[in-house]
Amino acid sequence: MSIARICQHDVDTVEALESARTAAQRMATRSVGMLVVLDTRRRPIGVLTDRDIALRCAAEGRDPATTPVVEIQSPSPQVVTEATEIEDALVLMRTHGIRRLPVVGAKGELVGVVTLDDLVVSAADELWQMSHVIRRSSPAVLATEVPDLT
């Protein structure tokens, strides 16, 4: 299954020259902990997390009102395409120790974000569906006491 089926298409973004304060306010307003930093062609050039703001701006005594996002972002993010298989995205996350991946289209433009939580929910849903197929098709399973988790 490809990432296109499960990624979130409504992505919160920020421009590289916006201030850390503006980014933090956007995160607070939208209840998110990460923004994708875009260039003028809507290609991801970085990601900015609430942790980046705390450690690279506030902890260093920088003024969030005047510190541009580009100075505190995590640059050159790992990305996946819409056609990337879920298993490949998981390997990338595990290899690089990341929980979120921007999803890009054919020209490198941002089309979504996939999170580790999205992948876990998708896997859980598939297992749940398989359990119902097994229960309905196997007399041996039907004869045993299996709790219904619905």
Protein backbone atom coordinates (compact mmCIF):
# COMPACT_ATOMS: atom_id res chain seq x y z
CA MET A 1 0.00 0.00 0.00
CA SER A 2 1.32 3.44 -0.88
CA ILE A 3 1.65 6.48 1.33
CA ALA A 4 -0.92 8.37 -0.80
CA ARG A 5 -3.71 6.32 0.82
CA ILE A 6 -2.93 7.31 4.39
CA CYS A 7 -1.04 10.61 4.38
CA GLN A 8 -2.61 13.79 5.69
CA HIS A 9 -3.14 16.28 2.87
CA ASP A 10 -4.00 19.25 5.08
CA VAL A 11 -0.49 20.27 6.12
CA ASP A 12 0.53 23.20 8.29
CA THR A 13 3.40 25.10 6.71
CA VAL A 14 5.65 28.10 7.25
CA GLU A 15 7.86 30.17 4.98
CA ALA A 16 11.60 30.28 5.60
CA LEU A 17 11.71 33.99 6.44
CA GLU A 18 8.75 34.04 8.81
CA SER A 19 9.70 34.57 12.45
CA ALA A 20 9.98 31.87 15.07
CA ARG A 21 7.24 33.68 17.01
CA THR A 22 4.87 33.56 14.04
CA ALA A 23 5.62 29.85 13.63
CA ALA A 24 5.06 29.18 17.34
CA GLN A 25 1.77 31.06 17.27
CA ARG A 26 0.67 29.05 14.22
CA MET A 27 1.55 25.82 16.02
CA ALA A 28 -0.44 26.90 19.07
CA THR A 29 -3.46 28.02 17.05
CA ARG A 30 -3.55 24.81 15.03
CA SER A 31 -2.53 22.47 17.88
CA VAL A 32 0.40 20.98 15.98
CA GLY A 33 4.01 20.38 16.94
CA MET A 34 5.55 20.60 13.47
CA LEU A 35 5.42 22.85 10.43
CA VAL A 36 6.90 22.06 7.03
CA VAL A 37 9.16 24.88 5.79
CA LEU A 38 8.56 25.58 2.10
CA ASP A 39 10.46 27.40 -0.63
CA THR A 40 8.72 29.61 -3.18
CA ARG A 41 7.81 26.56 -5.32
CA ARG A 42 6.15 24.79 -2.34
CA ARG A 43 9.00 22.30 -2.00
CA PRO A 44 10.00 21.26 1.53
CA ILE A 45 13.34 22.75 2.52
CA GLY A 46 13.05 21.98 6.23
CA VAL A 47 10.84 21.08 9.11
CA LEU A 48 10.31 23.13 12.23
CA THR A 49 9.20 21.52 15.47
CA ASP A 50 8.22 23.01 18.78
CA ARG A 51 11.45 21.45 20.07
CA ASP A 52 13.48 23.37 17.45
CA ILE A 53 11.94 26.62 18.69
CA ALA A 54 12.63 25.73 22.32
CA LEU A 55 16.22 24.56 21.85
CA ARG A 56 17.54 26.58 18.90
CA CYS A 57 15.78 29.84 19.67
CA ALA A 58 14.60 30.24 23.26
CA ALA A 59 17.39 28.23 24.94
CA GLU A 60 20.03 30.18 23.00
CA GLY A 61 18.52 33.51 24.05
CA ARG A 62 17.47 34.49 20.52
CA ASP A 63 14.53 36.82 20.02
CA PRO A 64 11.68 34.78 18.51
CA ALA A 65 10.20 37.93 16.99
CA THR A 66 13.29 38.53 14.86
CA THR A 67 14.71 35.03 14.37
CA PRO A 68 13.72 33.65 10.98
CA VAL A 69 12.58 30.05 10.78
CA VAL A 70 15.35 29.22 8.30
CA GLU A 71 17.93 29.77 11.07
CA ILE A 72 16.39 27.27 13.49
CA GLN A 73 14.72 24.69 11.22
CA SER A 74 15.95 21.16 10.68
CA PRO A 75 17.10 21.56 7.06
CA SER A 76 16.92 19.13 4.14
CA PRO A 77 14.20 16.88 5.51
CA GLN A 78 13.82 13.27 4.50
CA VAL A 79 10.80 13.07 2.17
CA VAL A 80 8.76 10.37 0.49
CA THR A 81 6.67 10.42 -2.66
CA GLU A 82 3.00 9.54 -2.89
CA ALA A 83 4.01 6.22 -4.50
CA THR A 84 6.34 5.23 -1.65
CA GLU A 85 5.30 1.96 -0.04
CA ILE A 86 4.43 2.07 3.66
CA GLU A 87 7.21 -0.41 4.48
CA ASP A 88 9.79 1.87 2.84
CA ALA A 89 8.54 4.88 4.81
CA LEU A 90 8.86 2.88 8.03
CA VAL A 91 12.45 1.92 7.19
CA LEU A 92 13.28 5.58 6.50
CA MET A 93 11.72 6.67 9.80
CA ARG A 94 13.55 3.97 11.75
CA THR A 95 16.89 4.62 10.03
CA HIS A 96 16.79 8.37 10.66
CA GLY A 97 14.93 8.36 14.00
CA ILE A 98 12.07 10.53 12.74
CA ARG A 99 8.30 10.38 13.28
CA ARG A 100 7.06 12.59 10.43
CA LEU A 101 7.79 12.66 6.71
CA PRO A 102 6.73 15.28 4.18
CA VAL A 103 5.11 13.68 1.14
CA VAL A 104 5.97 15.22 -2.24
CA GLY A 105 4.50 15.05 -5.72
CA ALA A 106 6.23 14.49 -9.05
CA LYS A 107 7.84 17.95 -9.09
CA GLY A 108 8.94 17.83 -5.45
CA GLU A 109 6.04 19.97 -4.24
CA LEU A 110 4.47 19.26 -0.85
CA VAL A 111 1.27 17.22 -1.09
CA GLY A 112 1.01 15.86 2.44
CA VAL A 113 2.64 14.54 5.58
CA VAL A 114 2.71 11.01 6.94
CA THR A 115 3.38 10.36 10.62
CA LEU A 116 4.34 7.28 12.54
CA ASP A 117 0.91 7.50 14.18
CA ASP A 118 -0.73 7.37 10.72
CA LEU A 119 1.21 4.20 9.94
CA VAL A 120 0.31 2.54 13.25
CA VAL A 121 -3.39 3.35 12.83
CA SER A 122 -3.33 1.99 9.28
CA ALA A 123 -1.65 -1.24 10.41
CA ALA A 124 -4.12 -1.66 13.29
CA ASP A 125 -7.04 -1.15 10.91
CA GLU A 126 -5.70 -3.78 8.52
CA LEU A 127 -5.24 -6.28 11.36
CA TRP A 128 -8.78 -5.61 12.59
CA GLN A 129 -10.17 -6.21 9.10
CA MET A 130 -8.18 -9.45 8.76
CA SER A 131 -9.49 -10.69 12.11
CA HIS A 132 -13.07 -10.27 10.89
CA VAL A 133 -12.34 -12.19 7.70
CA ILE A 134 -10.82 -15.02 9.73
CA ARG A 135 -13.76 -15.12 12.17
CA ARG A 136 -16.30 -15.26 9.37
CA SER A 137 -14.51 -17.86 7.28
CA SER A 138 -13.08 -20.33 9.77
CA PRO A 139 -15.39 -22.69 11.69
CA ALA A 140 -12.57 -23.50 14.12
CA VAL A 141 -12.18 -19.85 15.02
CA LEU A 142 -15.93 -19.42 15.36
CA ALA A 143 -16.05 -22.26 17.89
CA THR A 144 -13.54 -20.58 20.20
CA GLU A 145 -14.26 -17.70 22.48
CA VAL A 146 -12.73 -14.68 20.79
CA PRO A 147 -13.69 -11.30 22.25
CA ASP A 148 -15.22 -8.83 19.83
CA LEU A 149 -13.08 -5.69 19.92
CA THR A 150 -15.55 -3.50 18.06
